């Protein structure tokens, strides 16, 4: 996209479109959004994230693994 004219130049390559869809799919979970929001200000342990989000630590670990991908 050209920021000055607002026009889109060309077509987004298919590989990039697929990657963007995967990123949005990973973010389409309220718990993952809460985890990311909690990590914006500082690093936190899994147990701290679990307390903050209100979910069990193993669940938080699973979400973190998916976000790492």
PDB file of N, CA and C in Angstrom:
ATOM      1  N   UNK A   1       0.852  -1.174   0.000  1.00  0.00           N
ATOM      2  CA  UNK A   1       0.000   0.000   0.000  1.00  0.00           C
ATOM      3  C   UNK A   1       0.892   1.229   0.000  1.00  0.00           C
ATOM      4  N   UNK A   2       0.570   2.180  -0.816  1.00  0.00           N
ATOM      5  CA  UNK A   2       1.271   3.436  -0.846  1.00  0.00           C
ATOM      6  C   UNK A   2       0.598   4.358   0.166  1.00  0.00           C
ATOM      7  N   UNK A   3       1.316   4.736   1.208  1.00  0.00           N
ATOM      8  CA  UNK A   3       0.730   5.525   2.297  1.00  0.00           C
ATOM      9  C   UNK A   3       0.235   6.891   1.825  1.00  0.00           C
ATOM     10  N   UNK A   4       0.897   7.424   0.804  1.00  0.00           N
ATOM     11  CA  UNK A   4       0.508   8.753   0.329  1.00  0.00           C
ATOM     12  C   UNK A   4      -0.783   8.732  -0.487  1.00  0.00           C
ATOM     13  N   UNK A   5      -0.915   7.748  -1.366  1.00  0.00           N
ATOM     14  CA  UNK A   5      -2.076   7.742  -2.253  1.00  0.00           C
ATOM     15  C   UNK A   5      -3.205   6.841  -1.754  1.00  0.00           C
ATOM     16  N   UNK A   6      -2.886   5.916  -0.834  1.00  0.00           N
ATOM     17  CA  UNK A   6      -3.896   4.994  -0.351  1.00  0.00           C
ATOM     18  C   UNK A   6      -4.180   3.872  -1.328  1.00  0.00           C
ATOM     19  N   UNK A   7      -3.388   3.751  -2.395  1.00  0.00           N
ATOM     20  CA  UNK A   7      -3.587   2.713  -3.395  1.00  0.00           C
ATOM     21  C   UNK A   7      -2.784   1.467  -3.041  1.00  0.00           C
ATOM     22  N   UNK A   8      -3.357   0.312  -3.335  1.00  0.00           N
ATOM     23  CA  UNK A   8      -2.660  -0.951  -3.141  1.00  0.00           C
ATOM     24  C   UNK A   8      -1.895  -1.268  -4.415  1.00  0.00           C
ATOM     25  N   UNK A   9      -0.617  -1.595  -4.251  1.00  0.00           N
ATOM     26  CA  UNK A   9       0.215  -1.902  -5.414  1.00  0.00           C
ATOM     27  C   UNK A   9       0.355  -3.405  -5.563  1.00  0.00           C
ATOM     28  N   UNK A  10      -0.136  -3.947  -6.651  1.00  0.00           N
ATOM     29  CA  UNK A  10       0.003  -5.364  -6.917  1.00  0.00           C
ATOM     30  C   UNK A  10      -0.847  -6.231  -6.001  1.00  0.00           C
ATOM     31  N   UNK A  11      -0.570  -7.514  -6.075  1.00  0.00           N
ATOM     32  CA  UNK A  11      -1.319  -8.487  -5.300  1.00  0.00           C
ATOM     33  C   UNK A  11      -0.413  -9.074  -4.235  1.00  0.00           C
ATOM     34  N   UNK A  12      -0.978  -9.344  -3.077  1.00  0.00           N
ATOM     35  CA  UNK A  12      -0.237  -9.971  -1.992  1.00  0.00           C
ATOM     36  C   UNK A  12       0.096 -11.402  -2.401  1.00  0.00           C
ATOM     37  N   UNK A  13       1.378 -11.777  -2.293  1.00  0.00           N
ATOM     38  CA  UNK A  13       1.725 -13.162  -2.638  1.00  0.00           C
ATOM     39  C   UNK A  13       0.954 -14.156  -1.771  1.00  0.00           C
ATOM     40  N   UNK A  14       0.584 -15.276  -2.358  1.00  0.00           N
ATOM     41  CA  UNK A  14      -0.242 -16.278  -1.683  1.00  0.00           C
ATOM     42  C   UNK A  14       0.397 -16.753  -0.373  1.00  0.00           C
ATOM     43  N   UNK A  15       1.721 -16.959  -0.367  1.00  0.00           N
ATOM     44  CA  UNK A  15       2.402 -17.429   0.848  1.00  0.00           C
ATOM     45  C   UNK A  15       2.230 -16.435   1.994  1.00  0.00           C
ATOM     46  N   UNK A  16       2.315 -15.157   1.672  1.00  0.00           N
ATOM     47  CA  UNK A  16       2.142 -14.127   2.700  1.00  0.00           C
ATOM     48  C   UNK A  16       0.700 -14.090   3.200  1.00  0.00           C
ATOM     49  N   UNK A  17      -0.242 -14.252   2.296  1.00  0.00           N
ATOM     50  CA  UNK A  17      -1.654 -14.260   2.692  1.00  0.00           C
ATOM     51  C   UNK A  17      -1.930 -15.423   3.629  1.00  0.00           C
ATOM     52  N   UNK A  18      -1.374 -16.596   3.329  1.00  0.00           N
ATOM     53  CA  UNK A  18      -1.561 -17.773   4.180  1.00  0.00           C
ATOM     54  C   UNK A  18      -0.936 -17.533   5.545  1.00  0.00           C
ATOM     55  N   UNK A  19       0.246 -16.951   5.586  1.00  0.00           N
ATOM     56  CA  UNK A  19       0.918 -16.658   6.857  1.00  0.00           C
ATOM     57  C   UNK A  19       0.102 -15.671   7.695  1.00  0.00           C
ATOM     58  N   UNK A  20      -0.433 -14.654   7.068  1.00  0.00           N
ATOM     59  CA  UNK A  20      -1.251 -13.664   7.778  1.00  0.00           C
ATOM     60  C   UNK A  20      -2.503 -14.324   8.355  1.00  0.00           C
ATOM     61  N   UNK A  21      -3.120 -15.211   7.600  1.00  0.00           N
ATOM     62  CA  UNK A  21      -4.301 -15.933   8.089  1.00  0.00           C
ATOM     63  C   UNK A  21      -3.931 -16.758   9.321  1.00  0.00           C
ATOM     64  N   UNK A  22      -2.785 -17.420   9.292  1.00  0.00           N
ATOM     65  CA  UNK A  22      -2.342 -18.216  10.445  1.00  0.00           C
ATOM     66  C   UNK A  22      -2.101 -17.348  11.672  1.00  0.00           C
ATOM     67  N   UNK A  23      -1.518 -16.171  11.471  1.00  0.00           N
ATOM     68  CA  UNK A  23      -1.293 -15.251  12.592  1.00  0.00           C
ATOM     69  C   UNK A  23      -2.627 -14.822  13.201  1.00  0.00           C
ATOM     70  N   UNK A  24      -3.569 -14.459  12.379  1.00  0.00           N
ATOM     71  CA  UNK A  24      -4.885 -14.063  12.887  1.00  0.00           C
ATOM     72  C   UNK A  24      -5.580 -15.230  13.581  1.00  0.00           C
ATOM     73  N   UNK A  25      -5.400 -16.436  13.046  1.00  0.00           N
ATOM     74  CA  UNK A  25      -6.007 -17.613  13.668  1.00  0.00           C
ATOM     75  C   UNK A  25      -5.425 -17.838  15.067  1.00  0.00           C
ATOM     76  N   UNK A  26      -4.132 -17.658  15.207  1.00  0.00           N
ATOM     77  CA  UNK A  26      -3.492 -17.813  16.518  1.00  0.00           C
ATOM     78  C   UNK A  26      -3.973 -16.747  17.505  1.00  0.00           C
ATOM     79  N   UNK A  27      -4.268 -15.572  17.004  1.00  0.00           N
ATOM     80  CA  UNK A  27      -4.707 -14.480  17.873  1.00  0.00           C
ATOM     81  C   UNK A  27      -6.207 -14.517  18.158  1.00  0.00           C
ATOM     82  N   UNK A  28      -6.930 -15.391  17.483  1.00  0.00           N
ATOM     83  CA  UNK A  28      -8.382 -15.434  17.620  1.00  0.00           C
ATOM     84  C   UNK A  28      -8.811 -16.264  18.828  1.00  0.00           C
ATOM     85  N   UNK A  29      -8.195 -15.979  19.950  1.00  0.00           N
ATOM     86  CA  UNK A  29      -8.520 -16.686  21.185  1.00  0.00           C
ATOM     87  C   UNK A  29      -8.402 -15.700  22.333  1.00  0.00           C
ATOM     88  N   UNK A  30      -9.442 -15.535  23.121  1.00  0.00           N
ATOM     89  CA  UNK A  30      -9.415 -14.543  24.211  1.00  0.00           C
ATOM     90  C   UNK A  30      -8.290 -14.767  25.217  1.00  0.00           C
ATOM     91  N   UNK A  31      -7.983 -16.024  25.515  1.00  0.00           N
ATOM     92  CA  UNK A  31      -6.903 -16.295  26.474  1.00  0.00           C
ATOM     93  C   UNK A  31      -5.567 -15.837  25.916  1.00  0.00           C
ATOM     94  N   UNK A  32      -5.314 -16.095  24.644  1.00  0.00           N
ATOM     95  CA  UNK A  32      -4.043 -15.673  24.035  1.00  0.00           C
ATOM     96  C   UNK A  32      -3.928 -14.157  24.000  1.00  0.00           C
ATOM     97  N   UNK A  33      -5.030 -13.491  23.741  1.00  0.00           N
ATOM     98  CA  UNK A  33      -5.011 -12.024  23.761  1.00  0.00           C
ATOM     99  C   UNK A  33      -4.698 -11.526  25.172  1.00  0.00           C
ATOM    100  N   UNK A  34      -5.303 -12.150  26.188  1.00  0.00           N
ATOM    101  CA  UNK A  34      -5.024 -11.761  27.576  1.00  0.00           C
ATOM    102  C   UNK A  34      -3.551 -12.001  27.926  1.00  0.00           C
ATOM    103  N   UNK A  35      -3.000 -13.113  27.463  1.00  0.00           N
ATOM    104  CA  UNK A  35      -1.584 -13.407  27.705  1.00  0.00           C
ATOM    105  C   UNK A  35      -0.702 -12.342  27.062  1.00  0.00           C
ATOM    106  N   UNK A  36      -0.956 -12.050  25.806  1.00  0.00           N
ATOM    107  CA  UNK A  36      -0.152 -11.032  25.116  1.00  0.00           C
ATOM    108  C   UNK A  36      -0.269  -9.674  25.786  1.00  0.00           C
ATOM    109  N   UNK A  37      -1.479  -9.334  26.191  1.00  0.00           N
ATOM    110  CA  UNK A  37      -1.697  -8.041  26.856  1.00  0.00           C
ATOM    111  C   UNK A  37      -0.907  -7.979  28.166  1.00  0.00           C
ATOM    112  N   UNK A  38      -0.887  -9.086  28.897  1.00  0.00           N
ATOM    113  CA  UNK A  38      -0.149  -9.139  30.162  1.00  0.00           C
ATOM    114  C   UNK A  38       1.352  -9.035  29.936  1.00  0.00           C
ATOM    115  N   UNK A  39       1.827  -9.487  28.788  1.00  0.00           N
ATOM    116  CA  UNK A  39       3.258  -9.463  28.501  1.00  0.00           C
ATOM    117  C   UNK A  39       3.745  -8.152  27.901  1.00  0.00           C
ATOM    118  N   UNK A  40       2.827  -7.256  27.581  1.00  0.00           N
ATOM    119  CA  UNK A  40       3.218  -5.979  26.975  1.00  0.00           C
ATOM    120  C   UNK A  40       4.110  -5.171  27.923  1.00  0.00           C
ATOM    121  N   UNK A  41       3.760  -5.162  29.194  1.00  0.00           N
ATOM    122  CA  UNK A  41       4.485  -4.313  30.143  1.00  0.00           C
ATOM    123  C   UNK A  41       5.743  -4.954  30.694  1.00  0.00           C
ATOM    124  N   UNK A  42       5.770  -6.292  30.805  1.00  0.00           N
ATOM    125  CA  UNK A  42       6.959  -6.946  31.363  1.00  0.00           C
ATOM    126  C   UNK A  42       6.898  -8.453  31.143  1.00  0.00           C
ATOM    127  N   UNK A  43       8.050  -9.094  31.342  1.00  0.00           N
ATOM    128  CA  UNK A  43       8.089 -10.553  31.295  1.00  0.00           C
ATOM    129  C   UNK A  43       7.375 -11.099  32.515  1.00  0.00           C
ATOM    130  N   UNK A  44       6.764 -12.254  32.371  1.00  0.00           N
ATOM    131  CA  UNK A  44       6.062 -12.895  33.479  1.00  0.00           C
ATOM    132  C   UNK A  44       6.285 -14.394  33.401  1.00  0.00           C
ATOM    133  N   UNK A  45       6.273 -15.036  34.530  1.00  0.00           N
ATOM    134  CA  UNK A  45       6.382 -16.492  34.557  1.00  0.00           C
ATOM    135  C   UNK A  45       5.047 -17.100  34.139  1.00  0.00           C
ATOM    136  N   UNK A  46       5.075 -18.379  33.828  1.00  0.00           N
ATOM    137  CA  UNK A  46       3.844 -19.084  33.457  1.00  0.00           C
ATOM    138  C   UNK A  46       2.853 -19.030  34.615  1.00  0.00           C
ATOM    139  N   UNK A  47       3.346 -19.241  35.834  1.00  0.00           N
ATOM    140  CA  UNK A  47       2.447 -19.209  36.996  1.00  0.00           C
ATOM    141  C   UNK A  47       1.846 -17.824  37.203  1.00  0.00           C
ATOM    142  N   UNK A  48       2.642 -16.781  36.991  1.00  0.00           N
ATOM    143  CA  UNK A  48       2.124 -15.421  37.120  1.00  0.00           C
ATOM    144  C   UNK A  48       1.064 -15.150  36.055  1.00  0.00           C
ATOM    145  N   UNK A  49       1.331 -15.600  34.829  1.00  0.00           N
ATOM    146  CA  UNK A  49       0.344 -15.437  33.758  1.00  0.00           C
ATOM    147  C   UNK A  49      -0.934 -16.206  34.083  1.00  0.00           C
ATOM    148  N   UNK A  50      -0.770 -17.407  34.628  1.00  0.00           N
ATOM    149  CA  UNK A  50      -1.937 -18.212  34.981  1.00  0.00           C
ATOM    150  C   UNK A  50      -2.796 -17.497  36.012  1.00  0.00           C
ATOM    151  N   UNK A  51      -2.160 -16.920  37.032  1.00  0.00           N
ATOM    152  CA  UNK A  51      -2.904 -16.166  38.042  1.00  0.00           C
ATOM    153  C   UNK A  51      -3.577 -14.941  37.426  1.00  0.00           C
ATOM    154  N   UNK A  52      -2.835 -14.251  36.587  1.00  0.00           N
ATOM    155  CA  UNK A  52      -3.342 -13.020  35.971  1.00  0.00           C
ATOM    156  C   UNK A  52      -4.542 -13.296  35.058  1.00  0.00           C
ATOM    157  N   UNK A  53      -4.444 -14.361  34.264  1.00  0.00           N
ATOM    158  CA  UNK A  53      -5.480 -14.681  33.283  1.00  0.00           C
ATOM    159  C   UNK A  53      -6.609 -15.511  33.904  1.00  0.00           C
ATOM    160  N   UNK A  54      -6.311 -16.185  35.011  1.00  0.00           N
ATOM    161  CA  UNK A  54      -7.335 -17.008  35.650  1.00  0.00           C
ATOM    162  C   UNK A  54      -7.505 -18.372  35.021  1.00  0.00           C
ATOM    163  N   UNK A  55      -6.421 -18.896  34.476  1.00  0.00           N
ATOM    164  CA  UNK A  55      -6.433 -20.227  33.853  1.00  0.00           C
ATOM    165  C   UNK A  55      -5.317 -21.060  34.481  1.00  0.00           C
ATOM    166  N   UNK A  56      -5.411 -22.381  34.407  1.00  0.00           N
ATOM    167  CA  UNK A  56      -4.354 -23.232  34.956  1.00  0.00           C
ATOM    168  C   UNK A  56      -3.036 -23.086  34.180  1.00  0.00           C
ATOM    169  N   UNK A  57      -1.922 -23.247  34.888  1.00  0.00           N
ATOM    170  CA  UNK A  57      -0.597 -23.093  34.277  1.00  0.00           C
ATOM    171  C   UNK A  57      -0.388 -23.998  33.066  1.00  0.00           C
ATOM    172  N   UNK A  58      -0.816 -25.274  33.091  1.00  0.00           N
ATOM    173  CA  UNK A  58      -0.627 -26.104  31.887  1.00  0.00           C
ATOM    174  C   UNK A  58      -1.351 -25.543  30.662  1.00  0.00           C
ATOM    175  N   UNK A  59      -2.508 -24.955  30.889  1.00  0.00           N
ATOM    176  CA  UNK A  59      -3.253 -24.339  29.794  1.00  0.00           C
ATOM    177  C   UNK A  59      -2.480 -23.148  29.230  1.00  0.00           C
ATOM    178  N   UNK A  60      -1.924 -22.337  30.121  1.00  0.00           N
ATOM    179  CA  UNK A  60      -1.128 -21.170  29.690  1.00  0.00           C
ATOM    180  C   UNK A  60       0.084 -21.636  28.896  1.00  0.00           C
ATOM    181  N   UNK A  61       0.734 -22.709  29.353  1.00  0.00           N
ATOM    182  CA  UNK A  61       1.890 -23.245  28.626  1.00  0.00           C
ATOM    183  C   UNK A  61       1.512 -23.672  27.214  1.00  0.00           C
ATOM    184  N   UNK A  62       0.345 -24.288  27.075  1.00  0.00           N
ATOM    185  CA  UNK A  62      -0.127 -24.694  25.746  1.00  0.00           C
ATOM    186  C   UNK A  62      -0.355 -23.482  24.848  1.00  0.00           C
ATOM    187  N   UNK A  63      -0.967 -22.449  25.404  1.00  0.00           N
ATOM    188  CA  UNK A  63      -1.206 -21.229  24.627  1.00  0.00           C
ATOM    189  C   UNK A  63       0.112 -20.567  24.240  1.00  0.00           C
ATOM    190  N   UNK A  64       1.067 -20.530  25.152  1.00  0.00           N
ATOM    191  CA  UNK A  64       2.364 -19.937  24.848  1.00  0.00           C
ATOM    192  C   UNK A  64       3.073 -20.710  23.749  1.00  0.00           C
ATOM    193  N   UNK A  65       2.951 -22.019  23.765  1.00  0.00           N
ATOM    194  CA  UNK A  65       3.576 -22.838  22.717  1.00  0.00           C
ATOM    195  C   UNK A  65       2.998 -22.498  21.346  1.00  0.00           C
ATOM    196  N   UNK A  66       1.691 -22.314  21.295  1.00  0.00           N
ATOM    197  CA  UNK A  66       1.062 -21.957  20.015  1.00  0.00           C
ATOM    198  C   UNK A  66       1.488 -20.562  19.566  1.00  0.00           C
ATOM    199  N   UNK A  67       1.596 -19.638  20.521  1.00  0.00           N
ATOM    200  CA  UNK A  67       2.011 -18.280  20.168  1.00  0.00           C
ATOM    201  C   UNK A  67       3.470 -18.254  19.686  1.00  0.00           C
ATOM    202  N   UNK A  68       4.313 -19.133  20.226  1.00  0.00           N
ATOM    203  CA  UNK A  68       5.709 -19.193  19.794  1.00  0.00           C
ATOM    204  C   UNK A  68       5.831 -19.587  18.336  1.00  0.00           C
ATOM    205  N   UNK A  69       4.897 -20.446  17.875  1.00  0.00           N
ATOM    206  CA  UNK A  69       4.930 -20.887  16.475  1.00  0.00           C
ATOM    207  C   UNK A  69       4.758 -19.698  15.566  1.00  0.00           C
TER     208      UNK A  69
END
